[in-house]
Amino acid sequence: FTQVYLGFKSAGINDERRLYAYATLQMLLGGGGSFSAG
């Protein structure tokens, strides 16, 4: 398999307002492996 990583600059640990927005965005996108027991 070919591994691909696409990243961008985001909020630091002390930027509380943006930090929680990015944490929610991570949950929103989510993802995982092609197989999951659900």
All heavy atoms as atom14 arrays in JSON, in Angstrom:
{
  "sequence": "FTQVYLGFKSAGINDERRLYAYATLQMLLGGGGSFSAG",
  "atom14_mask": [
    [1, 1, 1, 1, 1, 1, 1, 1, 1, 1, 1, 0, 0, 0],
    [1, 1, 1, 1, 1, 1, 1, 0, 0, 0, 0, 0, 0, 0],
    [1, 1, 1, 1, 1, 1, 1, 1, 1, 0, 0, 0, 0, 0],
    [1, 1, 1, 1, 1, 1, 1, 0, 0, 0, 0, 0, 0, 0],
    [1, 1, 1, 1, 1, 1, 1, 1, 1, 1, 1, 1, 0, 0],
    [1, 1, 1, 1, 1, 1, 1, 1, 0, 0, 0, 0, 0, 0],
    [1, 1, 1, 1, 0, 0, 0, 0, 0, 0, 0, 0, 0, 0],
    [1, 1, 1, 1, 1, 1, 1, 1, 1, 1, 1, 0, 0, 0],
    [1, 1, 1, 1, 1, 1, 1, 1, 1, 0, 0, 0, 0, 0],
    [1, 1, 1, 1, 1, 1, 0, 0, 0, 0, 0, 0, 0, 0],
    [1, 1, 1, 1, 1, 0, 0, 0, 0, 0, 0, 0, 0, 0],
    [1, 1, 1, 1, 0, 0, 0, 0, 0, 0, 0, 0, 0, 0],
    [1, 1, 1, 1, 1, 1, 1, 1, 0, 0, 0, 0, 0, 0],
    [1, 1, 1, 1, 1, 1, 1, 1, 0, 0, 0, 0, 0, 0],
    [1, 1, 1, 1, 1, 1, 1, 1, 0, 0, 0, 0, 0, 0],
    [1, 1, 1, 1, 1, 1, 1, 1, 1, 0, 0, 0, 0, 0],
    [1, 1, 1, 1, 1, 1, 1, 1, 1, 1, 1, 0, 0, 0],
    [1, 1, 1, 1, 1, 1, 1, 1, 1, 1, 1, 0, 0, 0],
    [1, 1, 1, 1, 1, 1, 1, 1, 0, 0, 0, 0, 0, 0],
    [1, 1, 1, 1, 1, 1, 1, 1, 1, 1, 1, 1, 0, 0],
    [1, 1, 1, 1, 1, 0, 0, 0, 0, 0, 0, 0, 0, 0],
    [1, 1, 1, 1, 1, 1, 1, 1, 1, 1, 1, 1, 0, 0],
    [1, 1, 1, 1, 1, 0, 0, 0, 0, 0, 0, 0, 0, 0],
    [1, 1, 1, 1, 1, 1, 1, 0, 0, 0, 0, 0, 0, 0],
    [1, 1, 1, 1, 1, 1, 1, 1, 0, 0, 0, 0, 0, 0],
    [1, 1, 1, 1, 1, 1, 1, 1, 1, 0, 0, 0, 0, 0],
    [1, 1, 1, 1, 1, 1, 1, 1, 0, 0, 0, 0, 0, 0],
    [1, 1, 1, 1, 1, 1, 1, 1, 0, 0, 0, 0, 0, 0],
    [1, 1, 1, 1, 1, 1, 1, 1, 0, 0, 0, 0, 0, 0],
    [1, 1, 1, 1, 0, 0, 0, 0, 0, 0, 0, 0, 0, 0],
    [1, 1, 1, 1, 0, 0, 0, 0, 0, 0, 0, 0, 0, 0],
    [1, 1, 1, 1, 0, 0, 0, 0, 0, 0, 0, 0, 0, 0],
    [1, 1, 1, 1, 0, 0, 0, 0, 0, 0, 0, 0, 0, 0],
    [1, 1, 1, 1, 1, 1, 0, 0, 0, 0, 0, 0, 0, 0],
    [1, 1, 1, 1, 1, 1, 1, 1, 1, 1, 1, 0, 0, 0],
    [1, 1, 1, 1, 1, 1, 0, 0, 0, 0, 0, 0, 0, 0],
    [1, 1, 1, 1, 1, 0, 0, 0, 0, 0, 0, 0, 0, 0],
    [1, 1, 1, 1, 0, 0, 0, 0, 0, 0, 0, 0, 0, 0]
  ],
  "atom14_positions": [
    [[0.84, -1.2, 0.0], [0.0, 0.0, 0.0], [0.87, 1.25, 0.0], [1.98, 1.25, 0.54], [-0.92, 0.04, 1.23], [-1.9, -1.1, 1.29], [-1.65, -2.2, 2.09], [-3.06, -1.08, 0.52], [-2.54, -3.26, 2.15], [-3.95, -2.13, 0.57], [-3.69, -3.22, 1.38], [0.0, 0.0, 0.0], [0.0, 0.0, 0.0], [0.0, 0.0, 0.0]],
    [[0.34, 2.3, -0.61], [0.99, 3.61, -0.57], [0.37, 4.43, 0.55], [-0.86, 4.54, 0.64], [0.8, 4.34, -1.92], [1.44, 3.59, -2.96], [1.42, 5.73, -1.86], [0.0, 0.0, 0.0], [0.0, 0.0, 0.0], [0.0, 0.0, 0.0], [0.0, 0.0, 0.0], [0.0, 0.0, 0.0], [0.0, 0.0, 0.0], [0.0, 0.0, 0.0]],
    [[1.22, 5.0, 1.41], [0.77, 5.83, 2.52], [0.86, 7.3, 2.11], [1.89, 7.73, 1.59], [1.64, 5.59, 3.76], [1.85, 4.14, 4.12], [0.63, 3.51, 4.75], [-0.2, 4.21, 5.33], [0.51, 2.2, 4.65], [0.0, 0.0, 0.0], [0.0, 0.0, 0.0], [0.0, 0.0, 0.0], [0.0, 0.0, 0.0], [0.0, 0.0, 0.0]],
    [[-0.21, 8.05, 2.37], [-0.24, 9.47, 2.03], [-0.69, 10.26, 3.25], [-1.68, 9.9, 3.91], [-1.18, 9.76, 0.85], [-1.21, 11.26, 0.53], [-0.75, 8.98, -0.39], [0.0, 0.0, 0.0], [0.0, 0.0, 0.0], [0.0, 0.0, 0.0], [0.0, 0.0, 0.0], [0.0, 0.0, 0.0], [0.0, 0.0, 0.0], [0.0, 0.0, 0.0]],
    [[0.03, 11.34, 3.55], [-0.32, 12.24, 4.66], [-0.47, 13.65, 4.11], [0.44, 14.15, 3.44], [0.75, 12.23, 5.74], [0.89, 10.9, 6.45], [1.63, 9.86, 5.88], [0.28, 10.67, 7.68], [1.76, 8.63, 6.53], [0.4, 9.45, 8.33], [1.15, 8.44, 7.75], [1.26, 7.23, 8.38], [0.0, 0.0, 0.0], [0.0, 0.0, 0.0]],
    [[-1.59, 14.28, 4.4], [-1.84, 15.66, 4.0], [-2.14, 16.46, 5.26], [-3.14, 16.22, 5.94], [-3.03, 15.73, 3.03], [-3.46, 17.13, 2.57], [-2.33, 17.79, 1.77], [-4.74, 17.06, 1.73], [0.0, 0.0, 0.0], [0.0, 0.0, 0.0], [0.0, 0.0, 0.0], [0.0, 0.0, 0.0], [0.0, 0.0, 0.0], [0.0, 0.0, 0.0]],
    [[-1.26, 17.4, 5.59], [-1.41, 18.15, 6.84], [-1.35, 19.64, 6.63], [-0.83, 20.13, 5.61], [0.0, 0.0, 0.0], [0.0, 0.0, 0.0], [0.0, 0.0, 0.0], [0.0, 0.0, 0.0], [0.0, 0.0, 0.0], [0.0, 0.0, 0.0], [0.0, 0.0, 0.0], [0.0, 0.0, 0.0], [0.0, 0.0, 0.0], [0.0, 0.0, 0.0]],
    [[-1.87, 20.39, 7.63], [-1.89, 21.84, 7.58], [-1.64, 22.38, 8.99], [-1.88, 21.7, 9.99], [-3.25, 22.36, 7.09], [-3.68, 21.85, 5.76], [-4.38, 20.65, 5.66], [-3.38, 22.55, 4.6], [-4.79, 20.18, 4.42], [-3.78, 22.08, 3.36], [-4.49, 20.89, 3.27], [0.0, 0.0, 0.0], [0.0, 0.0, 0.0], [0.0, 0.0, 0.0]],
    [[-1.22, 23.63, 9.06], [-1.04, 24.29, 10.34], [-2.41, 24.51, 10.99], [-3.36, 24.93, 10.33], [-0.33, 25.63, 10.16], [-0.1, 26.38, 11.46], [0.57, 27.72, 11.2], [0.76, 28.49, 12.5], [1.39, 29.82, 12.27], [0.0, 0.0, 0.0], [0.0, 0.0, 0.0], [0.0, 0.0, 0.0], [0.0, 0.0, 0.0], [0.0, 0.0, 0.0]],
    [[-2.5, 24.24, 12.31], [-3.75, 24.43, 13.02], [-3.47, 25.13, 14.35], [-2.42, 25.74, 14.54], [-4.46, 23.09, 13.25], [-3.7, 22.26, 14.1], [0.0, 0.0, 0.0], [0.0, 0.0, 0.0], [0.0, 0.0, 0.0], [0.0, 0.0, 0.0], [0.0, 0.0, 0.0], [0.0, 0.0, 0.0], [0.0, 0.0, 0.0], [0.0, 0.0, 0.0]],
    [[-4.4, 25.02, 15.29], [-4.31, 25.75, 16.55], [-3.4, 25.04, 17.54], [-3.34, 23.81, 17.6], [-5.7, 25.91, 17.16], [0.0, 0.0, 0.0], [0.0, 0.0, 0.0], [0.0, 0.0, 0.0], [0.0, 0.0, 0.0], [0.0, 0.0, 0.0], [0.0, 0.0, 0.0], [0.0, 0.0, 0.0], [0.0, 0.0, 0.0], [0.0, 0.0, 0.0]],
    [[-2.7, 25.82, 18.35], [-1.88, 25.29, 19.42], [-2.72, 25.0, 20.66], [-3.9, 25.32, 20.73], [0.0, 0.0, 0.0], [0.0, 0.0, 0.0], [0.0, 0.0, 0.0], [0.0, 0.0, 0.0], [0.0, 0.0, 0.0], [0.0, 0.0, 0.0], [0.0, 0.0, 0.0], [0.0, 0.0, 0.0], [0.0, 0.0, 0.0], [0.0, 0.0, 0.0]],
    [[-2.08, 24.43, 21.65], [-2.78, 23.97, 22.84], [-3.37, 25.13, 23.64], [-4.36, 24.96, 24.37], [-1.82, 23.14, 23.74], [-2.6, 22.35, 24.79], [-0.79, 24.03, 24.39], [-3.32, 21.17, 24.24], [0.0, 0.0, 0.0], [0.0, 0.0, 0.0], [0.0, 0.0, 0.0], [0.0, 0.0, 0.0], [0.0, 0.0, 0.0], [0.0, 0.0, 0.0]],
    [[-2.81, 26.33, 23.51], [-3.28, 27.46, 24.3], [-4.36, 28.28, 23.59], [-4.91, 29.2, 24.18], [-2.1, 28.37, 24.65], [-1.1, 27.68, 25.56], [-1.48, 26.97, 26.49], [0.19, 27.87, 25.29], [0.0, 0.0, 0.0], [0.0, 0.0, 0.0], [0.0, 0.0, 0.0], [0.0, 0.0, 0.0], [0.0, 0.0, 0.0], [0.0, 0.0, 0.0]],
    [[-4.65, 27.97, 22.35], [-5.7, 28.67, 21.61], [-7.0, 27.91, 21.83], [-7.44, 27.13, 20.97], [-5.34, 28.74, 20.13], [-6.26, 29.68, 19.34], [-7.34, 30.03, 19.87], [-5.9, 30.05, 18.21], [0.0, 0.0, 0.0], [0.0, 0.0, 0.0], [0.0, 0.0, 0.0], [0.0, 0.0, 0.0], [0.0, 0.0, 0.0], [0.0, 0.0, 0.0]],
    [[-7.65, 28.14, 22.98], [-8.75, 27.29, 23.41], [-9.95, 27.33, 22.46], [-10.55, 26.3, 22.17], [-9.19, 27.68, 24.83], [-8.13, 27.39, 25.88], [-8.59, 27.76, 27.27], [-9.66, 28.38, 27.38], [-7.89, 27.41, 28.24], [0.0, 0.0, 0.0], [0.0, 0.0, 0.0], [0.0, 0.0, 0.0], [0.0, 0.0, 0.0], [0.0, 0.0, 0.0]],
    [[-10.29, 28.51, 21.96], [-11.47, 28.61, 21.1], [-11.3, 27.78, 19.84], [-12.16, 26.98, 19.49], [-11.72, 30.08, 20.74], [-12.97, 30.28, 19.86], [-13.09, 31.73, 19.42], [-11.97, 32.15, 18.6], [-11.86, 31.89, 17.29], [-12.82, 31.2, 16.67], [-10.83, 32.33, 16.6], [0.0, 0.0, 0.0], [0.0, 0.0, 0.0], [0.0, 0.0, 0.0]],
    [[-10.17, 27.94, 19.15], [-9.94, 27.2, 17.91], [-9.61, 25.74, 18.19], [-9.92, 24.87, 17.37], [-8.81, 27.87, 17.12], [-9.16, 29.27, 16.64], [-7.94, 30.0, 16.11], [-7.37, 29.32, 14.95], [-6.06, 29.11, 14.8], [-5.21, 29.45, 15.73], [-5.61, 28.52, 13.71], [0.0, 0.0, 0.0], [0.0, 0.0, 0.0], [0.0, 0.0, 0.0]],
    [[-9.01, 25.47, 19.35], [-8.62, 24.1, 19.68], [-9.84, 23.18, 19.72], [-9.82, 22.07, 19.17], [-7.9, 24.07, 21.03], [-7.44, 22.71, 21.52], [-6.39, 22.12, 20.59], [-6.89, 22.82, 22.94], [0.0, 0.0, 0.0], [0.0, 0.0, 0.0], [0.0, 0.0, 0.0], [0.0, 0.0, 0.0], [0.0, 0.0, 0.0], [0.0, 0.0, 0.0]],
    [[-10.92, 23.63, 20.34], [-12.12, 22.81, 20.44], [-12.82, 22.67, 19.09], [-13.44, 21.65, 18.81], [-13.07, 23.38, 21.49], [-12.62, 23.12, 22.9], [-11.82, 24.05, 23.58], [-12.92, 21.94, 23.56], [-11.37, 23.82, 24.87], [-12.48, 21.69, 24.85], [-11.69, 22.64, 25.5], [-11.25, 22.39, 26.78], [0.0, 0.0, 0.0], [0.0, 0.0, 0.0]],
    [[-12.7, 23.7, 18.25], [-13.27, 23.59, 16.91], [-12.54, 22.53, 16.09], [-13.15, 21.72, 15.39], [-13.2, 24.95, 16.2], [0.0, 0.0, 0.0], [0.0, 0.0, 0.0], [0.0, 0.0, 0.0], [0.0, 0.0, 0.0], [0.0, 0.0, 0.0], [0.0, 0.0, 0.0], [0.0, 0.0, 0.0], [0.0, 0.0, 0.0], [0.0, 0.0, 0.0]],
    [[-11.21, 22.49, 16.21], [-10.44, 21.49, 15.48], [-10.66, 20.08, 16.04], [-10.68, 19.11, 15.28], [-8.95, 21.84, 15.51], [-8.57, 22.89, 14.5], [-8.12, 24.15, 14.89], [-8.66, 22.63, 13.13], [-7.78, 25.11, 13.95], [-8.32, 23.58, 12.19], [-7.88, 24.83, 12.61], [-7.55, 25.79, 11.68], [0.0, 0.0, 0.0], [0.0, 0.0, 0.0]],
    [[-10.84, 19.99, 17.35], [-11.12, 18.68, 17.94], [-12.45, 18.14, 17.43], [-12.59, 16.95, 17.13], [-11.14, 18.79, 19.46], [0.0, 0.0, 0.0], [0.0, 0.0, 0.0], [0.0, 0.0, 0.0], [0.0, 0.0, 0.0], [0.0, 0.0, 0.0], [0.0, 0.0, 0.0], [0.0, 0.0, 0.0], [0.0, 0.0, 0.0], [0.0, 0.0, 0.0]],
    [[-13.45, 19.03, 17.3], [-14.75, 18.61, 16.78], [-14.65, 18.28, 15.3], [-15.27, 17.32, 14.82], [-15.8, 19.72, 17.0], [-15.79, 20.12, 18.38], [-17.18, 19.23, 16.62], [0.0, 0.0, 0.0], [0.0, 0.0, 0.0], [0.0, 0.0, 0.0], [0.0, 0.0, 0.0], [0.0, 0.0, 0.0], [0.0, 0.0, 0.0], [0.0, 0.0, 0.0]],
    [[-13.85, 19.05, 14.56], [-13.64, 18.77, 13.14], [-13.01, 17.39, 12.95], [-13.37, 16.65, 12.04], [-12.76, 19.85, 12.51], [-12.35, 19.64, 11.05], [-13.58, 19.54, 10.14], [-11.43, 20.77, 10.59], [0.0, 0.0, 0.0], [0.0, 0.0, 0.0], [0.0, 0.0, 0.0], [0.0, 0.0, 0.0], [0.0, 0.0, 0.0], [0.0, 0.0, 0.0]],
    [[-12.07, 17.04, 13.82], [-11.45, 15.71, 13.74], [-12.49, 14.61, 13.93], [-12.49, 13.6, 13.22], [-10.35, 15.58, 14.78], [-9.62, 14.24, 14.71], [-8.64, 14.05, 15.85], [-8.6, 14.84, 16.8], [-7.84, 13.0, 15.76], [0.0, 0.0, 0.0], [0.0, 0.0, 0.0], [0.0, 0.0, 0.0], [0.0, 0.0, 0.0], [0.0, 0.0, 0.0]],
    [[-13.41, 14.79, 14.89], [-14.47, 13.81, 15.11], [-15.43, 13.77, 13.93], [-15.92, 12.71, 13.55], [-15.23, 14.14, 16.39], [-14.48, 13.94, 17.68], [-14.13, 12.2, 18.04], [-12.38, 12.15, 17.66], [0.0, 0.0, 0.0], [0.0, 0.0, 0.0], [0.0, 0.0, 0.0], [0.0, 0.0, 0.0], [0.0, 0.0, 0.0], [0.0, 0.0, 0.0]],
    [[-15.7, 14.94, 13.36], [-16.62, 15.03, 12.23], [-16.09, 14.25, 11.04], [-16.83, 13.49, 10.39], [-16.83, 16.49, 11.85], [-17.74, 16.77, 10.65], [-19.2, 16.56, 11.02], [-17.54, 18.2, 10.14], [0.0, 0.0, 0.0], [0.0, 0.0, 0.0], [0.0, 0.0, 0.0], [0.0, 0.0, 0.0], [0.0, 0.0, 0.0], [0.0, 0.0, 0.0]],
    [[-14.8, 14.42, 10.73], [-14.19, 13.69, 9.62], [-14.01, 12.22, 9.99], [-14.31, 11.33, 9.2], [-12.86, 14.32, 9.24], [-12.92, 15.72, 8.63], [-11.52, 16.28, 8.43], [-13.68, 15.7, 7.31], [0.0, 0.0, 0.0], [0.0, 0.0, 0.0], [0.0, 0.0, 0.0], [0.0, 0.0, 0.0], [0.0, 0.0, 0.0], [0.0, 0.0, 0.0]],
    [[-13.49, 11.98, 11.21], [-13.37, 10.61, 11.71], [-12.51, 9.73, 10.83], [-11.38, 10.04, 10.52], [0.0, 0.0, 0.0], [0.0, 0.0, 0.0], [0.0, 0.0, 0.0], [0.0, 0.0, 0.0], [0.0, 0.0, 0.0], [0.0, 0.0, 0.0], [0.0, 0.0, 0.0], [0.0, 0.0, 0.0], [0.0, 0.0, 0.0], [0.0, 0.0, 0.0]],
    [[-13.1, 8.6, 10.42], [-12.39, 7.66, 9.56], [-11.82, 6.48, 10.32], [-12.05, 6.3, 11.51], [0.0, 0.0, 0.0], [0.0, 0.0, 0.0], [0.0, 0.0, 0.0], [0.0, 0.0, 0.0], [0.0, 0.0, 0.0], [0.0, 0.0, 0.0], [0.0, 0.0, 0.0], [0.0, 0.0, 0.0], [0.0, 0.0, 0.0], [0.0, 0.0, 0.0]],
    [[-11.07, 5.67, 9.59], [-10.48, 4.46, 10.17], [-10.0, 3.55, 9.06], [-9.58, 4.0, 8.0], [0.0, 0.0, 0.0], [0.0, 0.0, 0.0], [0.0, 0.0, 0.0], [0.0, 0.0, 0.0], [0.0, 0.0, 0.0], [0.0, 0.0, 0.0], [0.0, 0.0, 0.0], [0.0, 0.0, 0.0], [0.0, 0.0, 0.0], [0.0, 0.0, 0.0]],
    [[-10.11, 2.23, 9.29], [-9.68, 1.25, 8.31], [-10.83, 0.81, 7.42], [-12.0, 1.1, 7.7], [0.0, 0.0, 0.0], [0.0, 0.0, 0.0], [0.0, 0.0, 0.0], [0.0, 0.0, 0.0], [0.0, 0.0, 0.0], [0.0, 0.0, 0.0], [0.0, 0.0, 0.0], [0.0, 0.0, 0.0], [0.0, 0.0, 0.0], [0.0, 0.0, 0.0]],
    [[-10.49, 0.13, 6.33], [-11.52, -0.31, 5.39], [-12.42, -1.37, 5.98], [-13.55, -1.58, 5.54], [-10.88, -0.85, 4.11], [-10.03, -1.95, 4.4], [0.0, 0.0, 0.0], [0.0, 0.0, 0.0], [0.0, 0.0, 0.0], [0.0, 0.0, 0.0], [0.0, 0.0, 0.0], [0.0, 0.0, 0.0], [0.0, 0.0, 0.0], [0.0, 0.0, 0.0]],
    [[-11.93, -2.06, 7.03], [-12.76, -3.05, 7.71], [-12.9, -2.68, 9.18], [-11.94, -2.31, 9.83], [-12.16, -4.46, 7.63], [-12.91, -5.47, 8.48], [-14.09, -6.02, 8.03], [-12.43, -5.81, 9.73], [-14.79, -6.92, 8.82], [-13.12, -6.73, 10.53], [-14.31, -7.28, 10.06], [0.0, 0.0, 0.0], [0.0, 0.0, 0.0], [0.0, 0.0, 0.0]],
    [[-14.12, -2.76, 9.69], [-14.36, -2.52, 11.11], [-15.51, -3.39, 11.55], [-16.48, -3.59, 10.8], [-14.67, -1.05, 11.38], [-15.02, -0.86, 12.73], [0.0, 0.0, 0.0], [0.0, 0.0, 0.0], [0.0, 0.0, 0.0], [0.0, 0.0, 0.0], [0.0, 0.0, 0.0], [0.0, 0.0, 0.0], [0.0, 0.0, 0.0], [0.0, 0.0, 0.0]],
    [[-15.42, -3.89, 12.77], [-16.51, -4.71, 13.31], [-17.72, -3.86, 13.68], [-18.77, -4.39, 14.02], [-16.02, -5.47, 14.55], [0.0, 0.0, 0.0], [0.0, 0.0, 0.0], [0.0, 0.0, 0.0], [0.0, 0.0, 0.0], [0.0, 0.0, 0.0], [0.0, 0.0, 0.0], [0.0, 0.0, 0.0], [0.0, 0.0, 0.0], [0.0, 0.0, 0.0]],
    [[-17.57, -2.52, 13.59], [-18.7, -1.64, 13.89], [-18.97, -1.57, 15.39], [-18.08, -1.76, 16.2], [0.0, 0.0, 0.0], [0.0, 0.0, 0.0], [0.0, 0.0, 0.0], [0.0, 0.0, 0.0], [0.0, 0.0, 0.0], [0.0, 0.0, 0.0], [0.0, 0.0, 0.0], [0.0, 0.0, 0.0], [0.0, 0.0, 0.0], [0.0, 0.0, 0.0]]
  ]
}
